[in-house]
């Protein structure tokens, strides 16, 4: 069976997580410093396990609106969609970093946040979700300014 990858794009680093082959458990798997490192890691995981898909955290503001980090996630998803044939999905990651701070262990906050994000998606049954409603409009609004 193939695995899912969870990606938590931060301002400085990208947190990485991977599911088990059954799609039941997400675990932190490290950090990427930039998109090229992320792409290399994705290729390695695909070669080793096969990919079911890539999940990218898309943070919403607490009022449900989209800010600059959500638009960066959208940009990252577009880039990965051009480079891979596996599904690339965006998933709400509100408060994952806060949750990650409360978890002990050796992993960084960024990779723990990626695992929390991916686990929530796996627990939801890996729904085939389109881009979050309103995100494309927020992107268009930013471009019009």
N, C-alpha and C. Protein backbone atom coordinates (compact mmCIF):
# COMPACT_ATOMS: atom_id res chain seq x y z
N UNK A 1 0.83 -1.18 0.00
CA UNK A 1 0.00 0.00 0.00
C UNK A 1 0.88 1.25 0.00
N UNK A 2 0.35 2.32 -0.52
CA UNK A 2 1.08 3.57 -0.63
C UNK A 2 0.87 4.42 0.62
N UNK A 3 1.74 5.41 0.79
CA UNK A 3 1.69 6.26 1.97
C UNK A 3 1.27 7.69 1.59
N UNK A 4 0.76 8.40 2.58
CA UNK A 4 0.47 9.82 2.46
C UNK A 4 1.61 10.60 3.08
N UNK A 5 1.89 11.76 2.53
CA UNK A 5 2.88 12.68 3.07
C UNK A 5 2.15 13.90 3.60
N UNK A 6 2.55 14.35 4.78
CA UNK A 6 2.02 15.58 5.35
C UNK A 6 3.10 16.66 5.31
N UNK A 7 2.74 17.85 4.85
CA UNK A 7 3.67 18.96 4.71
C UNK A 7 3.13 20.16 5.47
N UNK A 8 3.92 20.67 6.40
CA UNK A 8 3.54 21.85 7.16
C UNK A 8 4.49 22.99 6.78
N UNK A 9 4.09 23.82 5.80
CA UNK A 9 4.99 24.89 5.37
C UNK A 9 5.04 26.02 6.38
N UNK A 10 6.23 26.26 6.89
CA UNK A 10 6.41 27.36 7.83
C UNK A 10 7.16 28.51 7.18
N UNK A 11 7.41 29.53 7.96
CA UNK A 11 8.12 30.68 7.41
C UNK A 11 9.58 30.37 7.12
N UNK A 12 10.19 29.51 7.94
CA UNK A 12 11.62 29.21 7.76
C UNK A 12 11.88 27.76 7.34
N UNK A 13 11.04 26.84 7.81
CA UNK A 13 11.26 25.42 7.53
C UNK A 13 9.94 24.77 7.14
N UNK A 14 10.05 23.60 6.54
CA UNK A 14 8.88 22.83 6.14
C UNK A 14 8.88 21.54 6.96
N UNK A 15 7.86 21.37 7.78
CA UNK A 15 7.73 20.15 8.58
C UNK A 15 7.22 19.01 7.72
N UNK A 16 7.75 17.81 7.94
CA UNK A 16 7.42 16.64 7.13
C UNK A 16 6.89 15.51 8.00
N UNK A 17 5.88 14.82 7.50
CA UNK A 17 5.34 13.64 8.17
C UNK A 17 4.97 12.63 7.10
N UNK A 18 4.84 11.37 7.54
CA UNK A 18 4.47 10.30 6.62
C UNK A 18 3.54 9.34 7.33
N UNK A 19 2.60 8.80 6.58
CA UNK A 19 1.71 7.80 7.15
C UNK A 19 2.36 6.43 7.05
N UNK A 20 1.80 5.49 7.79
CA UNK A 20 2.20 4.09 7.59
C UNK A 20 1.51 3.59 6.33
N UNK A 21 1.85 2.38 5.90
CA UNK A 21 1.31 1.84 4.65
C UNK A 21 -0.20 1.58 4.73
N UNK A 22 -0.74 1.44 5.92
CA UNK A 22 -2.18 1.21 6.06
C UNK A 22 -2.97 2.51 6.07
N UNK A 23 -2.27 3.65 6.16
CA UNK A 23 -2.95 4.93 6.21
C UNK A 23 -3.66 5.17 7.53
N UNK A 24 -3.09 4.62 8.61
CA UNK A 24 -3.70 4.73 9.93
C UNK A 24 -2.94 5.69 10.84
N UNK A 25 -1.64 5.69 10.78
CA UNK A 25 -0.82 6.43 11.73
C UNK A 25 0.15 7.36 11.01
N UNK A 26 0.18 8.62 11.43
CA UNK A 26 1.12 9.61 10.91
C UNK A 26 2.25 9.80 11.91
N UNK A 27 3.47 9.89 11.40
CA UNK A 27 4.62 10.12 12.26
C UNK A 27 5.49 11.24 11.69
N UNK A 28 6.11 12.03 12.58
CA UNK A 28 7.03 13.08 12.12
C UNK A 28 8.21 12.46 11.39
N UNK A 29 8.66 13.11 10.31
CA UNK A 29 9.76 12.55 9.51
C UNK A 29 10.87 13.51 9.19
N UNK A 30 10.87 14.70 9.78
CA UNK A 30 11.99 15.60 9.55
C UNK A 30 11.58 16.96 9.03
N UNK A 31 12.58 17.66 8.51
CA UNK A 31 12.39 19.02 8.03
C UNK A 31 13.02 19.19 6.66
N UNK A 32 12.45 20.10 5.89
CA UNK A 32 13.06 20.53 4.64
C UNK A 32 13.30 22.03 4.78
N UNK A 33 14.44 22.48 4.29
CA UNK A 33 14.76 23.90 4.39
C UNK A 33 14.20 24.73 3.26
N UNK A 34 13.84 24.06 2.16
CA UNK A 34 13.32 24.78 1.00
C UNK A 34 12.55 23.79 0.10
N UNK A 35 12.01 24.32 -0.98
CA UNK A 35 11.20 23.48 -1.88
C UNK A 35 12.00 22.36 -2.53
N UNK A 36 13.25 22.63 -2.86
CA UNK A 36 14.05 21.59 -3.52
C UNK A 36 14.31 20.42 -2.57
N UNK A 37 14.58 20.71 -1.30
CA UNK A 37 14.75 19.64 -0.32
C UNK A 37 13.44 18.87 -0.14
N UNK A 38 12.33 19.59 -0.14
CA UNK A 38 11.01 18.95 -0.05
C UNK A 38 10.80 18.01 -1.22
N UNK A 39 11.10 18.47 -2.41
CA UNK A 39 10.91 17.66 -3.60
C UNK A 39 11.80 16.41 -3.57
N UNK A 40 13.04 16.56 -3.14
CA UNK A 40 13.94 15.39 -3.02
C UNK A 40 13.35 14.36 -2.05
N UNK A 41 12.83 14.85 -0.92
CA UNK A 41 12.25 13.94 0.07
C UNK A 41 11.03 13.23 -0.51
N UNK A 42 10.19 13.96 -1.20
CA UNK A 42 9.00 13.36 -1.81
C UNK A 42 9.40 12.26 -2.79
N UNK A 43 10.41 12.52 -3.61
CA UNK A 43 10.88 11.52 -4.57
C UNK A 43 11.41 10.28 -3.84
N UNK A 44 12.15 10.47 -2.76
CA UNK A 44 12.66 9.34 -1.98
C UNK A 44 11.52 8.50 -1.41
N UNK A 45 10.53 9.17 -0.83
CA UNK A 45 9.39 8.44 -0.26
C UNK A 45 8.64 7.70 -1.35
N UNK A 46 8.45 8.35 -2.50
CA UNK A 46 7.75 7.70 -3.60
C UNK A 46 8.49 6.46 -4.08
N UNK A 47 9.82 6.55 -4.17
CA UNK A 47 10.62 5.40 -4.60
C UNK A 47 10.57 4.28 -3.57
N UNK A 48 10.62 4.62 -2.29
CA UNK A 48 10.66 3.61 -1.22
C UNK A 48 9.30 2.98 -0.93
N UNK A 49 8.23 3.77 -0.99
CA UNK A 49 6.93 3.27 -0.53
C UNK A 49 5.80 3.41 -1.54
N UNK A 50 5.93 4.34 -2.47
CA UNK A 50 4.82 4.71 -3.34
C UNK A 50 3.98 5.76 -2.63
N UNK A 51 3.41 6.67 -3.39
CA UNK A 51 2.65 7.77 -2.79
C UNK A 51 1.17 7.66 -3.10
N UNK A 52 0.37 7.77 -2.05
CA UNK A 52 -1.07 7.88 -2.23
C UNK A 52 -1.43 9.34 -2.48
N UNK A 53 -0.67 10.27 -1.88
CA UNK A 53 -0.92 11.68 -2.08
C UNK A 53 -0.10 12.54 -1.13
N UNK A 54 -0.19 13.84 -1.36
CA UNK A 54 0.53 14.84 -0.57
C UNK A 54 -0.50 15.77 0.05
N UNK A 55 -0.40 15.96 1.34
CA UNK A 55 -1.31 16.83 2.07
C UNK A 55 -0.53 18.04 2.56
N UNK A 56 -1.02 19.23 2.23
CA UNK A 56 -0.35 20.47 2.62
C UNK A 56 -1.23 21.23 3.60
N UNK A 57 -0.64 21.64 4.70
CA UNK A 57 -1.37 22.42 5.68
C UNK A 57 -1.70 23.80 5.14
N UNK A 58 -2.94 24.18 5.29
CA UNK A 58 -3.43 25.47 4.82
C UNK A 58 -4.07 26.19 6.01
N UNK A 59 -3.30 27.04 6.68
CA UNK A 59 -3.83 27.67 7.89
C UNK A 59 -4.88 28.73 7.60
N UNK A 60 -6.00 28.61 8.28
CA UNK A 60 -7.03 29.64 8.22
C UNK A 60 -6.93 30.48 9.48
N UNK A 61 -7.35 31.72 9.35
CA UNK A 61 -7.47 32.56 10.54
C UNK A 61 -8.62 32.03 11.37
N UNK A 62 -8.66 32.41 12.63
CA UNK A 62 -9.70 31.89 13.52
C UNK A 62 -11.10 32.28 13.06
N UNK A 63 -11.22 33.36 12.29
CA UNK A 63 -12.53 33.74 11.76
C UNK A 63 -12.87 33.02 10.45
N UNK A 64 -11.99 32.12 10.01
CA UNK A 64 -12.22 31.34 8.80
C UNK A 64 -11.65 31.96 7.54
N UNK A 65 -11.14 33.16 7.63
CA UNK A 65 -10.56 33.81 6.45
C UNK A 65 -9.16 33.25 6.17
N UNK A 66 -8.61 33.64 5.04
CA UNK A 66 -7.29 33.17 4.63
C UNK A 66 -6.29 34.32 4.65
N UNK A 67 -5.14 34.08 5.26
CA UNK A 67 -4.08 35.08 5.33
C UNK A 67 -2.93 34.72 4.41
N UNK A 68 -1.82 35.42 4.57
CA UNK A 68 -0.65 35.21 3.70
C UNK A 68 -0.10 33.78 3.74
N UNK A 69 -0.10 33.12 4.90
CA UNK A 69 0.43 31.75 4.96
C UNK A 69 -0.45 30.78 4.18
N UNK A 70 -1.76 30.98 4.20
CA UNK A 70 -2.66 30.12 3.42
C UNK A 70 -2.40 30.30 1.93
N UNK A 71 -2.14 31.53 1.52
CA UNK A 71 -1.86 31.78 0.11
C UNK A 71 -0.52 31.17 -0.30
N UNK A 72 0.44 31.15 0.62
CA UNK A 72 1.72 30.46 0.34
C UNK A 72 1.50 28.96 0.20
N UNK A 73 0.60 28.40 1.00
CA UNK A 73 0.28 26.98 0.88
C UNK A 73 -0.37 26.68 -0.47
N UNK A 74 -1.25 27.56 -0.91
CA UNK A 74 -1.88 27.40 -2.22
C UNK A 74 -0.82 27.43 -3.32
N UNK A 75 0.12 28.35 -3.22
CA UNK A 75 1.19 28.44 -4.21
C UNK A 75 2.03 27.16 -4.22
N UNK A 76 2.35 26.64 -3.03
CA UNK A 76 3.11 25.39 -2.93
C UNK A 76 2.33 24.24 -3.55
N UNK A 77 1.03 24.18 -3.31
CA UNK A 77 0.22 23.10 -3.88
C UNK A 77 0.21 23.18 -5.40
N UNK A 78 0.12 24.37 -5.95
CA UNK A 78 0.14 24.52 -7.41
C UNK A 78 1.47 24.04 -7.98
N UNK A 79 2.55 24.39 -7.31
CA UNK A 79 3.89 23.98 -7.76
C UNK A 79 4.01 22.45 -7.75
N UNK A 80 3.57 21.82 -6.66
CA UNK A 80 3.66 20.36 -6.57
C UNK A 80 2.73 19.67 -7.56
N UNK A 81 1.57 20.24 -7.82
CA UNK A 81 0.65 19.66 -8.79
C UNK A 81 1.25 19.64 -10.19
N UNK A 82 2.11 20.60 -10.48
CA UNK A 82 2.78 20.63 -11.78
C UNK A 82 3.88 19.57 -11.87
N UNK A 83 4.43 19.17 -10.73
CA UNK A 83 5.58 18.27 -10.72
C UNK A 83 5.25 16.82 -10.44
N UNK A 84 4.05 16.54 -10.00
CA UNK A 84 3.71 15.16 -9.64
C UNK A 84 2.32 14.81 -10.15
N UNK A 85 2.07 13.53 -10.25
CA UNK A 85 0.76 13.07 -10.71
C UNK A 85 -0.12 12.57 -9.57
N UNK A 86 0.42 12.56 -8.34
CA UNK A 86 -0.38 12.12 -7.20
C UNK A 86 -1.26 13.28 -6.74
N UNK A 87 -2.36 12.97 -6.05
CA UNK A 87 -3.20 14.05 -5.53
C UNK A 87 -2.42 14.94 -4.55
N UNK A 88 -2.61 16.23 -4.69
CA UNK A 88 -2.05 17.21 -3.76
C UNK A 88 -3.25 17.94 -3.17
N UNK A 89 -3.42 17.81 -1.87
CA UNK A 89 -4.60 18.36 -1.20
C UNK A 89 -4.19 19.36 -0.14
N UNK A 90 -5.05 20.34 0.06
CA UNK A 90 -4.88 21.33 1.12
C UNK A 90 -5.83 20.96 2.26
N UNK A 91 -5.37 21.14 3.50
CA UNK A 91 -6.16 20.75 4.66
C UNK A 91 -5.98 21.80 5.75
N UNK A 92 -7.06 22.17 6.38
CA UNK A 92 -7.01 23.19 7.43
C UNK A 92 -6.10 22.73 8.57
N UNK A 93 -5.18 23.58 8.92
CA UNK A 93 -4.22 23.22 9.97
C UNK A 93 -4.26 24.20 11.15
N UNK A 94 -5.38 24.84 11.36
CA UNK A 94 -5.48 25.75 12.50
C UNK A 94 -5.06 25.06 13.79
N UNK A 95 -4.22 25.71 14.52
CA UNK A 95 -3.78 25.31 15.86
C UNK A 95 -2.86 24.08 15.90
N UNK A 96 -2.41 23.56 14.76
CA UNK A 96 -1.51 22.39 14.83
C UNK A 96 -0.18 22.74 15.49
N UNK A 97 0.32 23.95 15.22
CA UNK A 97 1.59 24.34 15.84
C UNK A 97 1.43 24.47 17.35
N UNK A 98 0.32 25.02 17.78
CA UNK A 98 0.06 25.13 19.22
C UNK A 98 -0.01 23.73 19.85
N UNK A 99 -0.71 22.81 19.17
CA UNK A 99 -0.78 21.44 19.68
C UNK A 99 0.60 20.81 19.73
N UNK A 100 1.41 21.05 18.70
CA UNK A 100 2.74 20.45 18.62
C UNK A 100 3.64 20.90 19.75
N UNK A 101 3.46 22.13 20.21
CA UNK A 101 4.26 22.63 21.34
C UNK A 101 3.99 21.82 22.61
N UNK A 102 2.80 21.25 22.72
CA UNK A 102 2.44 20.49 23.92
C UNK A 102 2.88 19.04 23.89
N UNK A 103 3.50 18.61 22.82
CA UNK A 103 3.92 17.21 22.68
C UNK A 103 5.42 17.11 22.91
N UNK A 104 5.81 16.21 23.77
CA UNK A 104 7.23 16.01 24.03
C UNK A 104 7.89 15.16 22.95
N UNK A 105 9.16 14.91 23.12
CA UNK A 105 9.87 14.04 22.20
C UNK A 105 10.97 14.77 21.46
N UNK A 106 11.66 14.05 20.61
CA UNK A 106 12.83 14.57 19.91
C UNK A 106 12.49 15.38 18.66
N UNK A 107 11.32 15.17 18.08
CA UNK A 107 10.96 15.85 16.84
C UNK A 107 10.78 17.34 17.05
N UNK A 108 11.02 18.11 15.99
CA UNK A 108 10.81 19.56 16.06
C UNK A 108 9.31 19.87 16.05
N UNK A 109 8.98 21.09 16.44
CA UNK A 109 7.58 21.53 16.44
C UNK A 109 7.01 21.45 15.03
N UNK A 110 7.81 21.81 14.02
CA UNK A 110 7.33 21.83 12.64
C UNK A 110 6.96 20.43 12.14
N UNK A 111 7.78 19.45 12.44
CA UNK A 111 7.46 18.10 11.97
C UNK A 111 6.33 17.48 12.80
N UNK A 112 6.24 17.84 14.08
CA UNK A 112 5.10 17.38 14.89
C UNK A 112 3.80 17.97 14.34
N UNK A 113 3.84 19.25 13.96
CA UNK A 113 2.65 19.90 13.39
C UNK A 113 2.25 19.20 12.09
N UNK A 114 3.22 18.80 11.27
CA UNK A 114 2.93 18.07 10.04
C UNK A 114 2.26 16.73 10.35
N UNK A 115 2.72 16.06 11.39
CA UNK A 115 2.13 14.78 11.78
C UNK A 115 0.71 14.96 12.31
N UNK A 116 0.48 16.02 13.09
CA UNK A 116 -0.87 16.29 13.60
C UNK A 116 -1.81 16.58 12.44
N UNK A 117 -1.35 17.39 11.50
CA UNK A 117 -2.13 17.71 10.30
C UNK A 117 -2.49 16.44 9.54
N UNK A 118 -1.49 15.61 9.26
CA UNK A 118 -1.72 14.39 8.50
C UNK A 118 -2.62 13.42 9.27
N UNK A 119 -2.42 13.32 10.57
CA UNK A 119 -3.26 12.41 11.36
C UNK A 119 -4.72 12.83 11.30
N UNK A 120 -4.98 14.12 11.34
CA UNK A 120 -6.38 14.58 11.27
C UNK A 120 -7.00 14.22 9.92
N UNK A 121 -6.21 14.29 8.88
CA UNK A 121 -6.70 13.91 7.54
C UNK A 121 -6.95 12.41 7.46
N UNK A 122 -6.04 11.62 7.99
CA UNK A 122 -6.21 10.16 7.99
C UNK A 122 -7.45 9.78 8.81
N UNK A 123 -7.62 10.43 9.97
CA UNK A 123 -8.77 10.14 10.83
C UNK A 123 -10.08 10.51 10.15
N UNK A 124 -10.05 11.49 9.25
CA UNK A 124 -11.25 11.90 8.51
C UNK A 124 -11.54 10.96 7.33
N UNK A 125 -10.67 9.98 7.11
CA UNK A 125 -10.90 9.01 6.03
C UNK A 125 -10.33 9.43 4.69
N UNK A 126 -9.33 10.33 4.68
CA UNK A 126 -8.69 10.86 3.47
C UNK A 126 -9.72 11.32 2.43
N UNK A 127 -10.57 12.26 2.80
CA UNK A 127 -11.59 12.72 1.86
C UNK A 127 -10.99 13.41 0.64
N UNK A 128 -11.60 13.19 -0.51
CA UNK A 128 -11.11 13.83 -1.75
C UNK A 128 -11.59 15.28 -1.80
N UNK A 129 -10.96 16.13 -1.01
CA UNK A 129 -11.43 17.50 -0.86
C UNK A 129 -10.82 18.42 -1.92
N UNK A 130 -11.65 19.31 -2.46
CA UNK A 130 -11.10 20.34 -3.35
C UNK A 130 -10.39 21.40 -2.51
N UNK A 131 -9.81 22.38 -3.17
CA UNK A 131 -9.20 23.47 -2.42
C UNK A 131 -10.27 24.11 -1.55
N UNK A 132 -9.91 24.56 -0.35
CA UNK A 132 -10.91 25.12 0.58
C UNK A 132 -11.72 26.25 -0.07
N UNK A 133 -13.03 26.26 0.14
CA UNK A 133 -13.86 27.33 -0.40
C UNK A 133 -13.37 28.69 0.07
N UNK A 134 -13.28 29.61 -0.85
CA UNK A 134 -12.85 30.96 -0.53
C UNK A 134 -11.36 31.20 -0.73
N UNK A 135 -10.55 30.14 -0.80
CA UNK A 135 -9.11 30.32 -0.93
C UNK A 135 -8.74 30.89 -2.29
N UNK A 136 -9.33 30.37 -3.35
CA UNK A 136 -9.01 30.89 -4.68
C UNK A 136 -9.45 32.34 -4.82
N UNK A 137 -10.57 32.68 -4.20
CA UNK A 137 -11.04 34.06 -4.24
C UNK A 137 -10.09 34.98 -3.49
N UNK A 138 -9.59 34.53 -2.32
CA UNK A 138 -8.63 35.32 -1.54
C UNK A 138 -7.35 35.53 -2.34
N UNK A 139 -6.93 34.51 -3.08
CA UNK A 139 -5.74 34.62 -3.91
C UNK A 139 -5.98 35.64 -5.03
N UNK A 140 -7.13 35.58 -5.64
CA UNK A 140 -7.46 36.53 -6.72
C UNK A 140 -7.51 37.95 -6.18
N UNK A 141 -8.08 38.10 -5.00
CA UNK A 141 -8.17 39.42 -4.38
C UNK A 141 -6.78 40.00 -4.11
N UNK A 142 -5.86 39.13 -3.65
CA UNK A 142 -4.48 39.56 -3.40
C UNK A 142 -3.82 40.00 -4.70
N UNK A 143 -4.08 39.27 -5.78
CA UNK A 143 -3.49 39.60 -7.07
C UNK A 143 -4.05 40.88 -7.66
N UNK A 144 -5.31 41.19 -7.32
CA UNK A 144 -5.94 42.40 -7.83
C UNK A 144 -5.45 43.67 -7.13
N UNK A 145 -4.88 43.49 -5.94
CA UNK A 145 -4.43 44.66 -5.17
C UNK A 145 -3.18 45.28 -5.72
